[in-house]
């Protein structure tokens, strides 16, 4: 397929942009239970165990050297392009460190793209606006409440992100259309049940 061929010619990966030490410019993400949508955020999702604020064991984070680079990678990770690659190459359930690092980045994307600042801000705002609070009781772990995001509500913004990325990767209109509409019947269908502990 033309998309894979074009991506294979891109020498850099997201892994090349990760900061070697923790910084204030972070992306937070779920490491399991991916389903049809990723959950990447710019702030740690709210989480309480037995009424005490904390962090879920299912969450991790990645640091970047600058805010612009973080925003650019945030857009890339939330893109339907990234979802398609993940679906093609993984077990489609867990999100391992290698999965985070894999997505090829052009030199322009690896340097940070100014348009991604507003796109990332808009997408994060949409995720916050449409989030609910989920809850669960676990034999091991006790009672938990957690911020439950609905990434599919941001699909119009994700489509804008994919259109921007298509220019950087040199995708044709047909390739972009394939990416934007990939698995769309299931991705925009009924909400998947999400749990946390």
N, C-alpha and C. Protein backbone atom coordinates (compact mmCIF):
# COMPACT_ATOMS: atom_id res chain seq x y z
N UNK A 1 0.83 -1.19 0.00
CA UNK A 1 0.00 0.00 0.00
C UNK A 1 0.87 1.24 0.00
N UNK A 2 0.43 2.29 -0.68
CA UNK A 2 1.21 3.51 -0.81
C UNK A 2 1.51 4.20 0.51
N UNK A 3 0.58 4.13 1.46
CA UNK A 3 0.79 4.80 2.74
C UNK A 3 1.96 4.17 3.48
N UNK A 4 1.97 2.84 3.57
CA UNK A 4 3.08 2.16 4.24
C UNK A 4 4.41 2.46 3.54
N UNK A 5 4.39 2.47 2.22
CA UNK A 5 5.63 2.74 1.49
C UNK A 5 6.15 4.13 1.81
N UNK A 6 5.27 5.11 1.83
CA UNK A 6 5.69 6.48 2.14
C UNK A 6 6.20 6.59 3.57
N UNK A 7 5.53 5.94 4.49
CA UNK A 7 5.97 6.00 5.88
C UNK A 7 7.30 5.29 6.08
N UNK A 8 7.52 4.22 5.33
CA UNK A 8 8.78 3.47 5.49
C UNK A 8 9.98 4.28 5.02
N UNK A 9 9.75 5.30 4.24
CA UNK A 9 10.84 6.14 3.74
C UNK A 9 11.17 7.29 4.69
N UNK A 10 10.39 7.42 5.75
CA UNK A 10 10.62 8.49 6.74
C UNK A 10 11.55 7.95 7.82
N UNK A 11 12.75 8.53 8.00
CA UNK A 11 13.75 7.94 8.89
C UNK A 11 13.50 8.14 10.38
N UNK A 12 12.80 9.20 10.76
CA UNK A 12 12.63 9.48 12.19
C UNK A 12 11.36 8.86 12.73
N UNK A 13 11.33 8.67 14.05
CA UNK A 13 10.18 8.12 14.75
C UNK A 13 9.85 9.01 15.96
N UNK A 14 8.64 8.85 16.49
CA UNK A 14 8.30 9.59 17.70
C UNK A 14 9.32 9.33 18.79
N UNK A 15 9.81 8.11 18.84
CA UNK A 15 10.82 7.77 19.85
C UNK A 15 12.03 8.68 19.82
N UNK A 16 12.35 9.22 18.64
CA UNK A 16 13.50 10.11 18.52
C UNK A 16 13.23 11.48 19.14
N UNK A 17 11.97 11.80 19.42
CA UNK A 17 11.62 13.12 19.95
C UNK A 17 11.40 13.10 21.47
N UNK A 18 11.40 11.93 22.08
CA UNK A 18 11.16 11.84 23.52
C UNK A 18 12.32 12.45 24.30
N UNK A 19 12.01 13.20 25.33
CA UNK A 19 13.05 13.78 26.17
C UNK A 19 13.71 12.68 27.00
N UNK A 20 15.03 12.76 27.21
CA UNK A 20 15.73 11.72 27.98
C UNK A 20 15.39 11.74 29.47
N UNK A 21 14.86 12.87 29.95
CA UNK A 21 14.46 12.98 31.35
C UNK A 21 13.09 13.65 31.41
N UNK A 22 12.45 13.55 32.54
CA UNK A 22 11.10 14.11 32.70
C UNK A 22 11.12 15.62 32.54
N UNK A 23 10.14 16.16 31.83
CA UNK A 23 10.00 17.61 31.65
C UNK A 23 8.56 18.00 32.01
N UNK A 24 8.28 19.29 31.92
CA UNK A 24 6.92 19.77 32.19
C UNK A 24 6.01 19.60 30.98
N UNK A 25 6.58 19.25 29.82
CA UNK A 25 5.80 19.11 28.58
C UNK A 25 5.49 17.63 28.37
N UNK A 26 4.35 17.19 28.91
CA UNK A 26 4.04 15.76 28.92
C UNK A 26 2.76 15.43 28.15
N UNK A 27 2.71 14.18 27.70
CA UNK A 27 1.50 13.58 27.17
C UNK A 27 1.19 12.38 28.05
N UNK A 28 -0.07 12.27 28.47
CA UNK A 28 -0.52 11.18 29.32
C UNK A 28 -1.35 10.21 28.48
N UNK A 29 -1.22 8.92 28.76
CA UNK A 29 -1.92 7.94 27.93
C UNK A 29 -2.20 6.65 28.69
N UNK A 30 -3.26 5.95 28.24
CA UNK A 30 -3.61 4.64 28.79
C UNK A 30 -2.71 3.58 28.18
N UNK A 31 -2.30 2.61 29.00
CA UNK A 31 -1.41 1.56 28.51
C UNK A 31 -2.16 0.26 28.20
N UNK A 32 -3.46 0.24 28.43
CA UNK A 32 -4.24 -0.95 28.09
C UNK A 32 -5.69 -0.55 27.84
N UNK A 33 -6.45 -1.45 27.25
CA UNK A 33 -7.86 -1.16 26.98
C UNK A 33 -8.05 -0.11 25.90
N UNK A 34 -7.27 -0.18 24.83
CA UNK A 34 -7.32 0.85 23.79
C UNK A 34 -8.64 0.83 23.04
N UNK A 35 -9.08 -0.33 22.56
CA UNK A 35 -10.32 -0.40 21.79
C UNK A 35 -10.21 0.35 20.47
N UNK A 36 -11.27 1.09 20.11
CA UNK A 36 -11.29 1.79 18.83
C UNK A 36 -10.74 3.21 18.92
N UNK A 37 -10.37 3.64 20.12
CA UNK A 37 -9.82 4.99 20.30
C UNK A 37 -8.70 4.98 21.31
N UNK A 38 -7.71 5.81 21.08
CA UNK A 38 -6.68 6.05 22.09
C UNK A 38 -7.19 7.09 23.08
N UNK A 39 -6.59 7.12 24.26
CA UNK A 39 -6.85 8.19 25.20
C UNK A 39 -5.52 8.86 25.53
N UNK A 40 -5.19 9.89 24.75
CA UNK A 40 -4.02 10.72 25.00
C UNK A 40 -4.51 12.07 25.49
N UNK A 41 -3.91 12.58 26.54
CA UNK A 41 -4.32 13.87 27.09
C UNK A 41 -3.09 14.71 27.44
N UNK A 42 -3.32 16.00 27.64
CA UNK A 42 -2.23 16.91 28.00
C UNK A 42 -2.14 17.15 29.51
N UNK A 43 -3.14 16.65 30.23
CA UNK A 43 -3.11 16.67 31.69
C UNK A 43 -3.43 15.26 32.18
N UNK A 44 -2.93 14.90 33.35
CA UNK A 44 -3.24 13.56 33.86
C UNK A 44 -4.73 13.43 34.11
N UNK A 45 -5.36 12.36 33.66
CA UNK A 45 -6.78 12.16 33.93
C UNK A 45 -7.05 12.13 35.44
N UNK A 46 -8.16 12.70 35.84
CA UNK A 46 -8.51 12.71 37.27
C UNK A 46 -8.82 11.28 37.71
N UNK A 47 -8.38 10.95 38.90
CA UNK A 47 -8.52 9.58 39.41
C UNK A 47 -8.57 9.62 40.94
N UNK A 48 -9.50 8.85 41.51
CA UNK A 48 -9.62 8.74 42.96
C UNK A 48 -9.75 7.28 43.35
N UNK A 49 -9.04 6.88 44.39
CA UNK A 49 -9.18 5.53 44.95
C UNK A 49 -9.65 5.68 46.40
N UNK A 50 -10.82 5.13 46.67
CA UNK A 50 -11.42 5.28 48.00
C UNK A 50 -11.48 6.74 48.43
N UNK A 51 -11.80 7.60 47.46
CA UNK A 51 -11.98 9.03 47.74
C UNK A 51 -10.71 9.85 47.77
N UNK A 52 -9.57 9.20 47.59
CA UNK A 52 -8.29 9.91 47.64
C UNK A 52 -7.75 10.08 46.23
N UNK A 53 -7.42 11.32 45.86
CA UNK A 53 -6.89 11.60 44.52
C UNK A 53 -5.57 10.88 44.32
N UNK A 54 -5.38 10.33 43.13
CA UNK A 54 -4.14 9.63 42.83
C UNK A 54 -3.98 9.44 41.34
N UNK A 55 -3.30 8.36 40.97
CA UNK A 55 -3.06 8.06 39.56
C UNK A 55 -3.36 6.59 39.31
N UNK A 56 -4.01 6.32 38.18
CA UNK A 56 -4.32 4.95 37.81
C UNK A 56 -3.07 4.19 37.42
N UNK A 57 -3.05 2.90 37.74
CA UNK A 57 -1.93 2.05 37.34
C UNK A 57 -1.96 1.79 35.83
N UNK A 58 -3.05 2.18 35.17
CA UNK A 58 -3.18 1.97 33.73
C UNK A 58 -2.72 3.19 32.93
N UNK A 59 -2.16 4.18 33.61
CA UNK A 59 -1.72 5.41 32.94
C UNK A 59 -0.21 5.51 32.94
N UNK A 60 0.32 6.12 31.89
CA UNK A 60 1.74 6.43 31.81
C UNK A 60 1.88 7.80 31.15
N UNK A 61 3.11 8.27 30.99
CA UNK A 61 3.32 9.57 30.37
C UNK A 61 4.63 9.58 29.59
N UNK A 62 4.74 10.55 28.71
CA UNK A 62 5.96 10.75 27.93
C UNK A 62 6.29 12.23 27.95
N UNK A 63 7.57 12.56 28.02
CA UNK A 63 8.02 13.95 28.12
C UNK A 63 8.71 14.41 26.85
N UNK A 64 8.60 15.73 26.59
CA UNK A 64 9.19 16.33 25.40
C UNK A 64 9.93 17.60 25.77
N UNK A 65 10.86 18.00 24.90
CA UNK A 65 11.72 19.14 25.22
C UNK A 65 11.00 20.48 25.15
N UNK A 66 9.94 20.56 24.36
CA UNK A 66 9.25 21.84 24.21
C UNK A 66 7.74 21.62 24.12
N UNK A 67 7.00 22.69 24.38
CA UNK A 67 5.55 22.62 24.29
C UNK A 67 5.09 22.36 22.86
N UNK A 68 5.74 23.02 21.89
CA UNK A 68 5.34 22.84 20.50
C UNK A 68 5.57 21.41 20.03
N UNK A 69 6.69 20.82 20.41
CA UNK A 69 6.96 19.44 20.03
C UNK A 69 5.94 18.51 20.69
N UNK A 70 5.64 18.76 21.95
CA UNK A 70 4.62 17.95 22.63
C UNK A 70 3.27 18.06 21.91
N UNK A 71 2.89 19.28 21.55
CA UNK A 71 1.60 19.48 20.87
C UNK A 71 1.58 18.77 19.52
N UNK A 72 2.69 18.79 18.83
CA UNK A 72 2.78 18.14 17.52
C UNK A 72 2.64 16.63 17.67
N UNK A 73 3.36 16.05 18.62
CA UNK A 73 3.28 14.61 18.84
C UNK A 73 1.90 14.23 19.36
N UNK A 74 1.30 15.07 20.20
CA UNK A 74 -0.06 14.84 20.69
C UNK A 74 -1.02 14.71 19.52
N UNK A 75 -0.91 15.60 18.54
CA UNK A 75 -1.75 15.53 17.36
C UNK A 75 -1.50 14.23 16.59
N UNK A 76 -0.23 13.90 16.42
CA UNK A 76 0.11 12.68 15.68
C UNK A 76 -0.45 11.43 16.36
N UNK A 77 -0.33 11.36 17.67
CA UNK A 77 -0.79 10.19 18.40
C UNK A 77 -2.31 10.06 18.39
N UNK A 78 -3.01 11.19 18.34
CA UNK A 78 -4.47 11.17 18.31
C UNK A 78 -5.03 10.99 16.90
N UNK A 79 -4.18 10.99 15.89
CA UNK A 79 -4.63 10.93 14.50
C UNK A 79 -5.19 9.55 14.14
N UNK A 80 -6.04 9.54 13.14
CA UNK A 80 -6.54 8.26 12.61
C UNK A 80 -5.41 7.52 11.92
N UNK A 81 -4.42 8.24 11.42
CA UNK A 81 -3.24 7.59 10.83
C UNK A 81 -2.56 6.72 11.87
N UNK A 82 -2.35 7.25 13.06
CA UNK A 82 -1.71 6.48 14.11
C UNK A 82 -2.57 5.29 14.52
N UNK A 83 -3.88 5.48 14.60
CA UNK A 83 -4.79 4.39 14.94
C UNK A 83 -4.67 3.27 13.89
N UNK A 84 -4.65 3.63 12.62
CA UNK A 84 -4.55 2.63 11.55
C UNK A 84 -3.24 1.84 11.65
N UNK A 85 -2.14 2.53 11.90
CA UNK A 85 -0.85 1.85 12.03
C UNK A 85 -0.88 0.90 13.24
N UNK A 86 -1.42 1.38 14.34
CA UNK A 86 -1.53 0.56 15.54
C UNK A 86 -2.36 -0.69 15.27
N UNK A 87 -3.49 -0.52 14.61
CA UNK A 87 -4.35 -1.66 14.29
C UNK A 87 -3.64 -2.65 13.37
N UNK A 88 -2.78 -2.17 12.51
CA UNK A 88 -2.09 -3.01 11.54
C UNK A 88 -0.93 -3.80 12.14
N UNK A 89 -0.33 -3.27 13.21
CA UNK A 89 0.94 -3.82 13.67
C UNK A 89 0.94 -4.41 15.08
N UNK A 90 -0.18 -4.30 15.82
CA UNK A 90 -0.14 -4.71 17.23
C UNK A 90 -1.26 -5.69 17.57
N UNK A 91 -1.37 -6.00 18.86
CA UNK A 91 -2.44 -6.89 19.32
C UNK A 91 -3.76 -6.15 19.50
N UNK A 92 -3.76 -4.83 19.27
CA UNK A 92 -4.98 -3.99 19.30
C UNK A 92 -5.63 -3.92 20.67
N UNK A 93 -4.89 -4.18 21.71
CA UNK A 93 -5.45 -4.12 23.06
C UNK A 93 -4.56 -3.31 24.00
N UNK A 94 -3.30 -3.70 24.10
CA UNK A 94 -2.36 -3.00 24.98
C UNK A 94 -1.58 -1.96 24.21
N UNK A 95 -1.08 -0.97 24.93
CA UNK A 95 -0.27 0.07 24.30
C UNK A 95 1.09 0.06 24.98
N UNK A 96 2.05 -0.58 24.31
CA UNK A 96 3.38 -0.78 24.87
C UNK A 96 4.30 0.40 24.55
N UNK A 97 5.42 0.54 25.27
CA UNK A 97 6.36 1.62 24.97
C UNK A 97 6.81 1.63 23.51
N UNK A 98 6.97 0.47 22.92
CA UNK A 98 7.37 0.41 21.50
C UNK A 98 6.29 0.97 20.59
N UNK A 99 5.01 0.80 20.98
CA UNK A 99 3.92 1.34 20.18
C UNK A 99 3.93 2.87 20.22
N UNK A 100 4.28 3.44 21.36
CA UNK A 100 4.37 4.89 21.47
C UNK A 100 5.48 5.45 20.60
N UNK A 101 6.57 4.72 20.51
CA UNK A 101 7.76 5.23 19.83
C UNK A 101 7.73 5.06 18.32
N UNK A 102 6.84 4.20 17.79
CA UNK A 102 6.99 3.74 16.41
C UNK A 102 6.66 4.76 15.32
N UNK A 103 5.59 5.53 15.46
CA UNK A 103 5.08 6.34 14.34
C UNK A 103 6.17 7.16 13.67
N UNK A 104 6.38 6.98 12.35
CA UNK A 104 7.38 7.78 11.64
C UNK A 104 7.01 9.26 11.62
N UNK A 105 8.01 10.12 11.78
CA UNK A 105 7.82 11.56 11.72
C UNK A 105 8.74 12.17 10.68
N UNK A 106 8.19 13.00 9.81
CA UNK A 106 9.02 13.74 8.88
C UNK A 106 9.88 14.73 9.67
N UNK A 107 10.90 15.26 9.02
CA UNK A 107 11.75 16.25 9.69
C UNK A 107 10.93 17.44 10.17
N UNK A 108 9.95 17.85 9.37
CA UNK A 108 9.14 19.01 9.74
C UNK A 108 8.31 18.71 10.99
N UNK A 109 7.73 17.52 11.07
CA UNK A 109 6.94 17.16 12.25
C UNK A 109 7.84 16.98 13.48
N UNK A 110 9.00 16.40 13.28
CA UNK A 110 9.93 16.18 14.39
C UNK A 110 10.49 17.48 14.94
N UNK A 111 10.36 18.55 14.17
CA UNK A 111 10.82 19.87 14.63
C UNK A 111 9.71 20.65 15.34
N UNK A 112 8.47 20.17 15.20
CA UNK A 112 7.33 20.87 15.78
C UNK A 112 6.64 21.73 14.73
N UNK A 113 5.31 21.61 14.63
CA UNK A 113 4.53 22.32 13.63
C UNK A 113 3.59 23.30 14.34
N UNK A 114 3.69 24.58 13.97
CA UNK A 114 2.93 25.62 14.67
C UNK A 114 1.43 25.36 14.65
N UNK A 115 0.89 24.87 13.54
CA UNK A 115 -0.56 24.62 13.45
C UNK A 115 -1.04 23.59 14.48
N UNK A 116 -0.14 22.76 14.97
CA UNK A 116 -0.53 21.74 15.93
C UNK A 116 -0.83 22.31 17.31
N UNK A 117 -0.35 23.51 17.59
CA UNK A 117 -0.61 24.12 18.89
C UNK A 117 -2.11 24.37 19.07
N UNK A 118 -2.74 24.98 18.06
CA UNK A 118 -4.17 25.27 18.17
C UNK A 118 -5.00 23.99 18.06
N UNK A 119 -4.58 23.06 17.21
CA UNK A 119 -5.31 21.80 17.07
C UNK A 119 -5.28 20.99 18.36
N UNK A 120 -4.14 20.92 19.00
CA UNK A 120 -4.03 20.17 20.25
C UNK A 120 -4.86 20.83 21.35
N UNK A 121 -4.85 22.16 21.38
CA UNK A 121 -5.64 22.88 22.38
C UNK A 121 -7.14 22.65 22.18
N UNK A 122 -7.58 22.70 20.94
CA UNK A 122 -8.99 22.47 20.64
C UNK A 122 -9.42 21.05 20.96
N UNK A 123 -8.55 20.08 20.62
CA UNK A 123 -8.89 18.68 20.89
C UNK A 123 -8.95 18.41 22.39
N UNK A 124 -7.99 18.94 23.13
CA UNK A 124 -7.98 18.74 24.57
C UNK A 124 -9.20 19.39 25.22
N UNK A 125 -9.57 20.56 24.75
CA UNK A 125 -10.76 21.24 25.27
C UNK A 125 -12.01 20.39 25.02
N UNK A 126 -12.09 19.82 23.83
CA UNK A 126 -13.24 18.97 23.49
C UNK A 126 -13.27 17.73 24.39
N UNK A 127 -12.14 17.12 24.63
CA UNK A 127 -12.08 15.94 25.50
C UNK A 127 -12.54 16.29 26.91
N UNK A 128 -12.10 17.43 27.40
CA UNK A 128 -12.50 17.85 28.75
C UNK A 128 -13.99 18.14 28.82
N UNK A 129 -14.52 18.80 27.79
CA UNK A 129 -15.94 19.18 27.77
C UNK A 129 -16.88 17.98 27.76
N UNK A 130 -16.44 16.91 27.14
CA UNK A 130 -17.33 15.75 26.95
C UNK A 130 -17.02 14.60 27.90
N UNK A 131 -16.08 14.78 28.80
CA UNK A 131 -15.69 13.71 29.73
C UNK A 131 -16.76 13.49 30.80
N UNK A 132 -16.86 12.25 31.26
CA UNK A 132 -17.71 11.88 32.39
C UNK A 132 -16.82 11.37 33.52
N UNK A 133 -17.45 11.07 34.64
CA UNK A 133 -16.75 10.41 35.74
C UNK A 133 -17.27 8.98 35.83
N UNK A 134 -16.39 8.02 35.60
CA UNK A 134 -16.74 6.62 35.72
C UNK A 134 -16.40 6.12 37.11
N UNK A 135 -16.90 4.94 37.45
CA UNK A 135 -16.61 4.39 38.78
C UNK A 135 -16.61 2.87 38.72
N UNK A 136 -16.00 2.27 39.71
CA UNK A 136 -15.96 0.82 39.80
C UNK A 136 -15.54 0.38 41.20
N UNK A 137 -15.90 -0.83 41.55
CA UNK A 137 -15.50 -1.43 42.83
C UNK A 137 -14.73 -2.70 42.53
N UNK A 138 -13.53 -2.80 43.06
CA UNK A 138 -12.66 -3.93 42.74
C UNK A 138 -12.24 -4.65 44.01
N UNK A 139 -12.21 -5.96 43.92
CA UNK A 139 -11.79 -6.76 45.08
C UNK A 139 -10.38 -6.37 45.49
N UNK A 140 -9.53 -6.21 44.50
CA UNK A 140 -8.18 -5.70 44.77
C UNK A 140 -8.14 -4.29 44.21
N UNK A 141 -8.02 -3.32 45.07
CA UNK A 141 -7.97 -1.93 44.60
C UNK A 141 -9.04 -1.05 45.18
N UNK A 142 -10.15 -1.63 45.62
CA UNK A 142 -11.18 -0.84 46.27
C UNK A 142 -12.04 -0.06 45.30
N UNK A 143 -12.69 0.97 45.83
CA UNK A 143 -13.59 1.80 45.03
C UNK A 143 -12.80 2.88 44.30
N UNK A 144 -13.01 2.97 42.99
CA UNK A 144 -12.30 3.98 42.22
C UNK A 144 -13.29 4.83 41.42
N UNK A 145 -12.91 6.08 41.20
CA UNK A 145 -13.61 6.96 40.27
C UNK A 145 -12.54 7.54 39.34
N UNK A 146 -12.93 7.76 38.10
CA UNK A 146 -11.93 8.20 37.13
C UNK A 146 -12.59 9.03 36.04
N UNK A 147 -11.80 9.92 35.48
CA UNK A 147 -12.26 10.75 34.37
C UNK A 147 -12.33 9.88 33.12
N UNK A 148 -13.50 9.82 32.53
CA UNK A 148 -13.74 8.95 31.38
C UNK A 148 -13.91 9.81 30.13
N UNK A 149 -12.94 9.76 29.25
CA UNK A 149 -12.96 10.59 28.05
C UNK A 149 -13.72 9.90 26.92
N UNK A 150 -14.22 10.69 25.99
CA UNK A 150 -14.94 10.19 24.83
C UNK A 150 -14.26 10.73 23.56
N UNK A 151 -13.15 10.10 23.18
CA UNK A 151 -12.36 10.64 22.06
C UNK A 151 -13.13 10.79 20.76
N UNK A 152 -14.14 9.96 20.54
CA UNK A 152 -14.84 10.06 19.26
C UNK A 152 -15.56 11.40 19.10
N UNK A 153 -15.83 12.10 20.21
CA UNK A 153 -16.48 13.41 20.11
C UNK A 153 -15.55 14.44 19.46
N UNK A 154 -14.26 14.12 19.41
CA UNK A 154 -13.30 15.03 18.78
C UNK A 154 -12.96 14.66 17.35
N UNK A 155 -13.74 13.74 16.74
CA UNK A 155 -13.41 13.25 15.39
C UNK A 155 -13.27 14.37 14.36
N UNK A 156 -14.12 15.40 14.35
CA UNK A 156 -13.91 16.48 13.36
C UNK A 156 -12.55 17.15 13.50
N UNK A 157 -12.07 17.31 14.72
CA UNK A 157 -10.75 17.91 14.93
C UNK A 157 -9.66 16.91 14.52
N UNK A 158 -9.87 15.64 14.82
CA UNK A 158 -8.92 14.60 14.39
C UNK A 158 -8.82 14.58 12.87
N UNK A 159 -9.93 14.78 12.18
CA UNK A 159 -9.90 14.83 10.72
C UNK A 159 -9.05 16.00 10.23
N UNK A 160 -9.12 17.13 10.91
CA UNK A 160 -8.27 18.28 10.56
C UNK A 160 -6.80 17.92 10.78
N UNK A 161 -6.53 17.21 11.86
CA UNK A 161 -5.16 16.77 12.14
C UNK A 161 -4.66 15.86 11.02
N UNK A 162 -5.47 14.90 10.61
CA UNK A 162 -5.05 13.99 9.55
C UNK A 162 -4.82 14.72 8.23
N UNK A 163 -5.64 15.73 7.95
CA UNK A 163 -5.45 16.51 6.73
C UNK A 163 -4.12 17.26 6.77
N UNK A 164 -3.77 17.77 7.94
CA UNK A 164 -2.47 18.45 8.10
C UNK A 164 -1.32 17.46 7.95
N UNK A 165 -1.45 16.31 8.59
CA UNK A 165 -0.38 15.30 8.51
C UNK A 165 -0.20 14.81 7.08
N UNK A 166 -1.30 14.69 6.34
CA UNK A 166 -1.22 14.21 4.96
C UNK A 166 -0.29 15.08 4.12
N UNK A 167 -0.28 16.37 4.39
CA UNK A 167 0.60 17.28 3.65
C UNK A 167 2.06 16.99 3.98
N UNK A 168 2.33 16.69 5.22
CA UNK A 168 3.72 16.43 5.64
C UNK A 168 4.23 15.08 5.13
N UNK A 169 3.32 14.10 5.00
CA UNK A 169 3.73 12.78 4.53
C UNK A 169 3.59 12.63 3.01
N UNK A 170 2.96 13.60 2.36
CA UNK A 170 2.78 13.51 0.92
C UNK A 170 1.72 12.52 0.49
N UNK A 171 0.67 12.36 1.31
CA UNK A 171 -0.41 11.45 0.95
C UNK A 171 -1.28 12.05 -0.15
N UNK A 172 -1.82 11.19 -0.98
CA UNK A 172 -2.77 11.63 -2.00
C UNK A 172 -4.14 11.85 -1.34
N UNK A 173 -5.05 12.46 -2.07
CA UNK A 173 -6.41 12.67 -1.57
C UNK A 173 -7.07 11.33 -1.25
N UNK A 174 -6.81 10.31 -2.08
CA UNK A 174 -7.40 8.99 -1.86
C UNK A 174 -6.82 8.35 -0.60
N UNK A 175 -5.53 8.52 -0.37
CA UNK A 175 -4.91 7.96 0.83
C UNK A 175 -5.44 8.65 2.09
N UNK A 176 -5.60 9.97 2.03
CA UNK A 176 -6.17 10.69 3.16
C UNK A 176 -7.60 10.23 3.43
N UNK A 177 -8.37 10.05 2.38
CA UNK A 177 -9.76 9.60 2.53
C UNK A 177 -9.80 8.23 3.20
N UNK A 178 -8.89 7.35 2.82
CA UNK A 178 -8.82 6.02 3.43
C UNK A 178 -8.54 6.13 4.93
N UNK A 179 -7.57 6.98 5.29
CA UNK A 179 -7.20 7.14 6.69
C UNK A 179 -8.35 7.73 7.51
N UNK A 180 -8.94 8.79 7.01
CA UNK A 180 -10.01 9.48 7.74
C UNK A 180 -11.21 8.56 7.97
N UNK A 181 -11.48 7.69 7.03
CA UNK A 181 -12.67 6.83 7.12
C UNK A 181 -12.37 5.41 7.59
N UNK A 182 -11.12 5.15 7.96
CA UNK A 182 -10.74 3.80 8.36
C UNK A 182 -11.53 3.35 9.60
N UNK A 183 -12.19 2.21 9.52
CA UNK A 183 -12.90 1.60 10.66
C UNK A 183 -13.97 2.52 11.24
N UNK A 184 -14.45 3.46 10.43
CA UNK A 184 -15.30 4.53 10.96
C UNK A 184 -16.62 4.01 11.52
N UNK A 185 -17.16 2.95 10.92
CA UNK A 185 -18.43 2.39 11.40
C UNK A 185 -18.33 1.98 12.86
N UNK A 186 -17.21 1.40 13.24
CA UNK A 186 -17.02 0.94 14.61
C UNK A 186 -16.53 2.06 15.52
N UNK A 187 -15.69 2.93 14.99
CA UNK A 187 -15.14 4.01 15.81
C UNK A 187 -16.21 5.02 16.22
N UNK A 188 -17.20 5.23 15.36
CA UNK A 188 -18.25 6.20 15.67
C UNK A 188 -19.54 5.53 16.12
N UNK A 189 -19.47 4.23 16.39
CA UNK A 189 -20.64 3.51 16.88
C UNK A 189 -20.86 3.75 18.36
N UNK A 190 -21.52 2.80 19.02
CA UNK A 190 -21.84 2.93 20.44
C UNK A 190 -20.55 3.05 21.27
N UNK A 191 -20.65 3.81 22.36
CA UNK A 191 -19.51 3.98 23.26
C UNK A 191 -19.07 2.64 23.83
N UNK A 192 -17.76 2.44 23.89
CA UNK A 192 -17.24 1.22 24.52
C UNK A 192 -17.21 1.42 26.04
N UNK A 193 -17.49 0.35 26.75
CA UNK A 193 -17.38 0.43 28.20
C UNK A 193 -15.92 0.51 28.58
N UNK A 194 -15.63 1.42 29.49
CA UNK A 194 -14.26 1.61 29.93
C UNK A 194 -14.20 1.41 31.44
N UNK A 195 -13.16 0.76 31.91
CA UNK A 195 -12.98 0.62 33.35
C UNK A 195 -11.58 1.07 33.72
N UNK A 196 -11.36 1.27 34.99
CA UNK A 196 -10.07 1.71 35.46
C UNK A 196 -9.87 1.15 36.87
N UNK A 197 -8.61 0.97 37.22
CA UNK A 197 -8.33 0.49 38.57
C UNK A 197 -6.95 0.86 39.00
